[in-house]
Amino acid sequence: MNFNEKIQELRKNRNITQEKFAEMLNISRQAVAKWETGETYPDINNLILISNIFNVSLDRLLKNDSC
């Protein structure tokens, strides 16, 4: 599973909308949408926040599961 799939799954499993997730990170909903489509990636500061929000390691977020 790729990063974009993981982030979307983590968000949906916790019933968090893209809008709410964006508010939690103080970013736009469009930025979240771009992450979830794989168009862009969050910066390191946002990756750390995401890791904390979902209580998962950066390794789990970033490494492809097929490795």
PDB file of N, CA and C in Angstrom:
ATOM      1  N   MET A   1       0.849  -1.174   0.000  1.00  0.00           N
ATOM      2  CA  MET A   1       0.000   0.000   0.000  1.00  0.00           C
ATOM      3  C   MET A   1       0.897   1.241   0.000  1.00  0.00           C
ATOM      4  N   ASN A   2       0.588   2.182  -0.856  1.00  0.00           N
ATOM      5  CA  ASN A   2       1.352   3.411  -0.976  1.00  0.00           C
ATOM      6  C   ASN A   2       0.903   4.442   0.058  1.00  0.00           C
ATOM      7  N   PHE A   3       1.714   5.494   0.211  1.00  0.00           N
ATOM      8  CA  PHE A   3       1.411   6.536   1.181  1.00  0.00           C
ATOM      9  C   PHE A   3       0.018   7.105   0.987  1.00  0.00           C
ATOM     10  N   ASN A   4      -0.328   7.448  -0.253  1.00  0.00           N
ATOM     11  CA  ASN A   4      -1.636   8.068  -0.486  1.00  0.00           C
ATOM     12  C   ASN A   4      -2.784   7.150  -0.063  1.00  0.00           C
ATOM     13  N   GLU A   5      -2.628   5.858  -0.278  1.00  0.00           N
ATOM     14  CA  GLU A   5      -3.659   4.908   0.138  1.00  0.00           C
ATOM     15  C   GLU A   5      -3.705   4.783   1.659  1.00  0.00           C
ATOM     16  N   LYS A   6      -2.549   4.776   2.275  1.00  0.00           N
ATOM     17  CA  LYS A   6      -2.489   4.659   3.735  1.00  0.00           C
ATOM     18  C   LYS A   6      -3.144   5.835   4.430  1.00  0.00           C
ATOM     19  N   ILE A   7      -2.809   7.030   3.969  1.00  0.00           N
ATOM     20  CA  ILE A   7      -3.342   8.213   4.640  1.00  0.00           C
ATOM     21  C   ILE A   7      -4.855   8.285   4.499  1.00  0.00           C
ATOM     22  N   GLN A   8      -5.347   7.915   3.326  1.00  0.00           N
ATOM     23  CA  GLN A   8      -6.792   7.917   3.108  1.00  0.00           C
ATOM     24  C   GLN A   8      -7.467   6.868   3.994  1.00  0.00           C
ATOM     25  N   GLU A   9      -6.888   5.693   4.077  1.00  0.00           N
ATOM     26  CA  GLU A   9      -7.456   4.636   4.912  1.00  0.00           C
ATOM     27  C   GLU A   9      -7.450   5.017   6.389  1.00  0.00           C
ATOM     28  N   LEU A  10      -6.335   5.551   6.867  1.00  0.00           N
ATOM     29  CA  LEU A  10      -6.254   5.970   8.266  1.00  0.00           C
ATOM     30  C   LEU A  10      -7.310   7.027   8.572  1.00  0.00           C
ATOM     31  N   ARG A  11      -7.463   7.982   7.693  1.00  0.00           N
ATOM     32  CA  ARG A  11      -8.441   9.050   7.887  1.00  0.00           C
ATOM     33  C   ARG A  11      -9.869   8.513   7.885  1.00  0.00           C
ATOM     34  N   LYS A  12     -10.184   7.681   6.918  1.00  0.00           N
ATOM     35  CA  LYS A  12     -11.540   7.143   6.807  1.00  0.00           C
ATOM     36  C   LYS A  12     -11.875   6.191   7.954  1.00  0.00           C
ATOM     37  N   ASN A  13     -10.909   5.401   8.397  1.00  0.00           N
ATOM     38  CA  ASN A  13     -11.148   4.475   9.505  1.00  0.00           C
ATOM     39  C   ASN A  13     -11.496   5.203  10.798  1.00  0.00           C
ATOM     40  N   ARG A  14     -11.084   6.449  10.891  1.00  0.00           N
ATOM     41  CA  ARG A  14     -11.386   7.253  12.076  1.00  0.00           C
ATOM     42  C   ARG A  14     -12.527   8.238  11.821  1.00  0.00           C
ATOM     43  N   ASN A  15     -13.200   8.065  10.688  1.00  0.00           N
ATOM     44  CA  ASN A  15     -14.339   8.912  10.323  1.00  0.00           C
ATOM     45  C   ASN A  15     -13.993  10.398  10.367  1.00  0.00           C
ATOM     46  N   ILE A  16     -12.831  10.740   9.823  1.00  0.00           N
ATOM     47  CA  ILE A  16     -12.397  12.128   9.742  1.00  0.00           C
ATOM     48  C   ILE A  16     -12.514  12.561   8.283  1.00  0.00           C
ATOM     49  N   THR A  17     -13.222  13.646   8.054  1.00  0.00           N
ATOM     50  CA  THR A  17     -13.350  14.161   6.694  1.00  0.00           C
ATOM     51  C   THR A  17     -12.043  14.825   6.269  1.00  0.00           C
ATOM     52  N   GLN A  18     -11.893  15.008   4.971  1.00  0.00           N
ATOM     53  CA  GLN A  18     -10.726  15.730   4.478  1.00  0.00           C
ATOM     54  C   GLN A  18     -10.689  17.132   5.078  1.00  0.00           C
ATOM     55  N   GLU A  19     -11.846  17.753   5.184  1.00  0.00           N
ATOM     56  CA  GLU A  19     -11.938  19.109   5.744  1.00  0.00           C
ATOM     57  C   GLU A  19     -11.452  19.139   7.192  1.00  0.00           C
ATOM     58  N   LYS A  20     -11.938  18.211   7.999  1.00  0.00           N
ATOM     59  CA  LYS A  20     -11.544  18.160   9.412  1.00  0.00           C
ATOM     60  C   LYS A  20     -10.053  17.853   9.546  1.00  0.00           C
ATOM     61  N   PHE A  21      -9.558  16.924   8.750  1.00  0.00           N
ATOM     62  CA  PHE A  21      -8.147  16.568   8.774  1.00  0.00           C
ATOM     63  C   PHE A  21      -7.290  17.778   8.418  1.00  0.00           C
ATOM     64  N   ALA A  22      -7.722  18.514   7.409  1.00  0.00           N
ATOM     65  CA  ALA A  22      -7.005  19.724   7.006  1.00  0.00           C
ATOM     66  C   ALA A  22      -6.984  20.740   8.146  1.00  0.00           C
ATOM     67  N   GLU A  23      -8.099  20.898   8.830  1.00  0.00           N
ATOM     68  CA  GLU A  23      -8.152  21.811   9.973  1.00  0.00           C
ATOM     69  C   GLU A  23      -7.179  21.384  11.069  1.00  0.00           C
ATOM     70  N   MET A  24      -7.093  20.087  11.310  1.00  0.00           N
ATOM     71  CA  MET A  24      -6.190  19.568  12.334  1.00  0.00           C
ATOM     72  C   MET A  24      -4.737  19.907  12.016  1.00  0.00           C
ATOM     73  N   LEU A  25      -4.428  19.979  10.727  1.00  0.00           N
ATOM     74  CA  LEU A  25      -3.062  20.245  10.279  1.00  0.00           C
ATOM     75  C   LEU A  25      -2.841  21.714   9.892  1.00  0.00           C
ATOM     76  N   ASN A  26      -3.921  22.501   9.961  1.00  0.00           N
ATOM     77  CA  ASN A  26      -3.866  23.914   9.593  1.00  0.00           C
ATOM     78  C   ASN A  26      -3.412  24.107   8.140  1.00  0.00           C
ATOM     79  N   ILE A  27      -4.023  23.318   7.261  1.00  0.00           N
ATOM     80  CA  ILE A  27      -3.747  23.376   5.828  1.00  0.00           C
ATOM     81  C   ILE A  27      -5.076  23.378   5.084  1.00  0.00           C
ATOM     82  N   SER A  28      -5.040  23.443   3.764  1.00  0.00           N
ATOM     83  CA  SER A  28      -6.277  23.423   2.975  1.00  0.00           C
ATOM     84  C   SER A  28      -6.735  21.986   2.723  1.00  0.00           C
ATOM     85  N   ARG A  29      -8.040  21.862   2.488  1.00  0.00           N
ATOM     86  CA  ARG A  29      -8.590  20.557   2.148  1.00  0.00           C
ATOM     87  C   ARG A  29      -8.012  20.078   0.823  1.00  0.00           C
ATOM     88  N   GLN A  30      -7.722  21.019  -0.065  1.00  0.00           N
ATOM     89  CA  GLN A  30      -7.160  20.669  -1.362  1.00  0.00           C
ATOM     90  C   GLN A  30      -5.789  20.008  -1.216  1.00  0.00           C
ATOM     91  N   ALA A  31      -5.015  20.436  -0.230  1.00  0.00           N
ATOM     92  CA  ALA A  31      -3.710  19.813   0.019  1.00  0.00           C
ATOM     93  C   ALA A  31      -3.900  18.354   0.416  1.00  0.00           C
ATOM     94  N   VAL A  32      -4.865  18.088   1.278  1.00  0.00           N
ATOM     95  CA  VAL A  32      -5.153  16.706   1.689  1.00  0.00           C
ATOM     96  C   VAL A  32      -5.586  15.894   0.478  1.00  0.00           C
ATOM     97  N   ALA A  33      -6.442  16.458  -0.344  1.00  0.00           N
ATOM     98  CA  ALA A  33      -6.908  15.759  -1.548  1.00  0.00           C
ATOM     99  C   ALA A  33      -5.742  15.416  -2.463  1.00  0.00           C
ATOM    100  N   LYS A  34      -4.793  16.326  -2.603  1.00  0.00           N
ATOM    101  CA  LYS A  34      -3.628  16.066  -3.458  1.00  0.00           C
ATOM    102  C   LYS A  34      -2.759  14.959  -2.871  1.00  0.00           C
ATOM    103  N   TRP A  35      -2.637  14.907  -1.556  1.00  0.00           N
ATOM    104  CA  TRP A  35      -1.873  13.813  -0.926  1.00  0.00           C
ATOM    105  C   TRP A  35      -2.552  12.487  -1.215  1.00  0.00           C
ATOM    106  N   GLU A  36      -3.881  12.467  -1.082  1.00  0.00           N
ATOM    107  CA  GLU A  36      -4.629  11.212  -1.228  1.00  0.00           C
ATOM    108  C   GLU A  36      -4.693  10.722  -2.669  1.00  0.00           C
ATOM    109  N   THR A  37      -4.473  11.605  -3.616  1.00  0.00           N
ATOM    110  CA  THR A  37      -4.420  11.173  -5.021  1.00  0.00           C
ATOM    111  C   THR A  37      -2.989  10.893  -5.456  1.00  0.00           C
ATOM    112  N   GLY A  38      -2.038  11.178  -4.583  1.00  0.00           N
ATOM    113  CA  GLY A  38      -0.641  10.936  -4.911  1.00  0.00           C
ATOM    114  C   GLY A  38      -0.012  12.033  -5.745  1.00  0.00           C
ATOM    115  N   GLU A  39      -0.721  13.143  -5.891  1.00  0.00           N
ATOM    116  CA  GLU A  39      -0.200  14.258  -6.694  1.00  0.00           C
ATOM    117  C   GLU A  39       0.959  14.970  -5.995  1.00  0.00           C
ATOM    118  N   THR A  40       0.849  15.100  -4.666  1.00  0.00           N
ATOM    119  CA  THR A  40       1.906  15.717  -3.867  1.00  0.00           C
ATOM    120  C   THR A  40       2.069  14.947  -2.560  1.00  0.00           C
ATOM    121  N   TYR A  41       3.107  15.305  -1.802  1.00  0.00           N
ATOM    122  CA  TYR A  41       3.360  14.707  -0.495  1.00  0.00           C
ATOM    123  C   TYR A  41       3.486  15.806   0.544  1.00  0.00           C
ATOM    124  N   PRO A  42       3.136  15.510   1.781  1.00  0.00           N
ATOM    125  CA  PRO A  42       3.295  16.511   2.833  1.00  0.00           C
ATOM    126  C   PRO A  42       4.766  16.763   3.146  1.00  0.00           C
ATOM    127  N   ASP A  43       5.039  17.943   3.699  1.00  0.00           N
ATOM    128  CA  ASP A  43       6.401  18.231   4.134  1.00  0.00           C
ATOM    129  C   ASP A  43       6.684  17.468   5.435  1.00  0.00           C
ATOM    130  N   ILE A  44       7.920  17.492   5.864  1.00  0.00           N
ATOM    131  CA  ILE A  44       8.320  16.685   7.024  1.00  0.00           C
ATOM    132  C   ILE A  44       7.569  17.085   8.282  1.00  0.00           C
ATOM    133  N   ASN A  45       7.305  18.374   8.463  1.00  0.00           N
ATOM    134  CA  ASN A  45       6.560  18.800   9.651  1.00  0.00           C
ATOM    135  C   ASN A  45       5.152  18.221   9.668  1.00  0.00           C
ATOM    136  N   ASN A  46       4.496  18.222   8.520  1.00  0.00           N
ATOM    137  CA  ASN A  46       3.156  17.641   8.447  1.00  0.00           C
ATOM    138  C   ASN A  46       3.196  16.124   8.580  1.00  0.00           C
ATOM    139  N   LEU A  47       4.236  15.497   8.066  1.00  0.00           N
ATOM    140  CA  LEU A  47       4.362  14.043   8.244  1.00  0.00           C
ATOM    141  C   LEU A  47       4.445  13.683   9.722  1.00  0.00           C
ATOM    142  N   ILE A  48       5.189  14.471  10.472  1.00  0.00           N
ATOM    143  CA  ILE A  48       5.296  14.212  11.920  1.00  0.00           C
ATOM    144  C   ILE A  48       3.944  14.409  12.593  1.00  0.00           C
ATOM    145  N   LEU A  49       3.230  15.472  12.234  1.00  0.00           N
ATOM    146  CA  LEU A  49       1.898  15.699  12.800  1.00  0.00           C
ATOM    147  C   LEU A  49       0.945  14.555  12.454  1.00  0.00           C
ATOM    148  N   ILE A  50       0.973  14.112  11.212  1.00  0.00           N
ATOM    149  CA  ILE A  50       0.114  13.002  10.782  1.00  0.00           C
ATOM    150  C   ILE A  50       0.445  11.744  11.585  1.00  0.00           C
ATOM    151  N   SER A  51       1.722  11.486  11.753  1.00  0.00           N
ATOM    152  CA  SER A  51       2.164  10.340  12.538  1.00  0.00           C
ATOM    153  C   SER A  51       1.603  10.403  13.952  1.00  0.00           C
ATOM    154  N   ASN A  52       1.635  11.589  14.536  1.00  0.00           N
ATOM    155  CA  ASN A  52       1.115  11.766  15.896  1.00  0.00           C
ATOM    156  C   ASN A  52      -0.406  11.647  15.945  1.00  0.00           C
ATOM    157  N   ILE A  53      -1.086  12.236  14.975  1.00  0.00           N
ATOM    158  CA  ILE A  53      -2.551  12.190  14.949  1.00  0.00           C
ATOM    159  C   ILE A  53      -3.052  10.751  14.882  1.00  0.00           C
ATOM    160  N   PHE A  54      -2.420   9.949  14.028  1.00  0.00           N
ATOM    161  CA  PHE A  54      -2.876   8.577  13.833  1.00  0.00           C
ATOM    162  C   PHE A  54      -2.116   7.563  14.683  1.00  0.00           C
ATOM    163  N   ASN A  55      -1.154   8.061  15.466  1.00  0.00           N
ATOM    164  CA  ASN A  55      -0.374   7.201  16.348  1.00  0.00           C
ATOM    165  C   ASN A  55       0.275   6.038  15.590  1.00  0.00           C
ATOM    166  N   VAL A  56       0.923   6.401  14.483  1.00  0.00           N
ATOM    167  CA  VAL A  56       1.667   5.429  13.683  1.00  0.00           C
ATOM    168  C   VAL A  56       3.069   5.971  13.443  1.00  0.00           C
ATOM    169  N   SER A  57       3.997   5.077  13.217  1.00  0.00           N
ATOM    170  CA  SER A  57       5.377   5.499  12.978  1.00  0.00           C
ATOM    171  C   SER A  57       5.517   6.100  11.579  1.00  0.00           C
ATOM    172  N   LEU A  58       6.538   6.917  11.423  1.00  0.00           N
ATOM    173  CA  LEU A  58       6.838   7.459  10.094  1.00  0.00           C
ATOM    174  C   LEU A  58       7.178   6.332   9.130  1.00  0.00           C
ATOM    175  N   ASP A  59       7.863   5.298   9.616  1.00  0.00           N
ATOM    176  CA  ASP A  59       8.160   4.149   8.766  1.00  0.00           C
ATOM    177  C   ASP A  59       6.886   3.547   8.196  1.00  0.00           C
ATOM    178  N   ARG A  60       5.894   3.367   9.047  1.00  0.00           N
ATOM    179  CA  ARG A  60       4.641   2.768   8.579  1.00  0.00           C
ATOM    180  C   ARG A  60       3.951   3.664   7.558  1.00  0.00           C
ATOM    181  N   LEU A  61       4.019   4.960   7.767  1.00  0.00           N
ATOM    182  CA  LEU A  61       3.396   5.886   6.817  1.00  0.00           C
ATOM    183  C   LEU A  61       4.089   5.892   5.471  1.00  0.00           C
ATOM    184  N   LEU A  62       5.419   5.877   5.497  1.00  0.00           N
ATOM    185  CA  LEU A  62       6.180   6.156   4.282  1.00  0.00           C
ATOM    186  C   LEU A  62       6.639   4.942   3.496  1.00  0.00           C
ATOM    187  N   LYS A  63       6.880   3.836   4.173  1.00  0.00           N
ATOM    188  CA  LYS A  63       7.387   2.679   3.463  1.00  0.00           C
ATOM    189  C   LYS A  63       6.262   1.927   2.767  1.00  0.00           C
ATOM    190  N   ASN A  64       6.529   1.526   1.548  1.00  0.00           N
ATOM    191  CA  ASN A  64       5.567   0.744   0.794  1.00  0.00           C
ATOM    192  C   ASN A  64       5.444  -0.629   1.428  1.00  0.00           C
ATOM    193  N   ASP A  65       4.226  -1.084   1.659  1.00  0.00           N
ATOM    194  CA  ASP A  65       3.995  -2.363   2.327  1.00  0.00           C
ATOM    195  C   ASP A  65       4.530  -3.554   1.554  1.00  0.00           C
ATOM    196  N   SER A  66       4.737  -3.401   0.268  1.00  0.00           N
ATOM    197  CA  SER A  66       5.188  -4.553  -0.525  1.00  0.00           C
ATOM    198  C   SER A  66       6.697  -4.773  -0.396  1.00  0.00           C
ATOM    199  N   CYS A  67       7.393  -3.875   0.322  1.00  0.00           N
ATOM    200  CA  CYS A  67       8.841  -4.032   0.489  1.00  0.00           C
ATOM    201  C   CYS A  67       9.164  -5.144   1.467  1.00  0.00           C
TER     202      CYS A  67
END
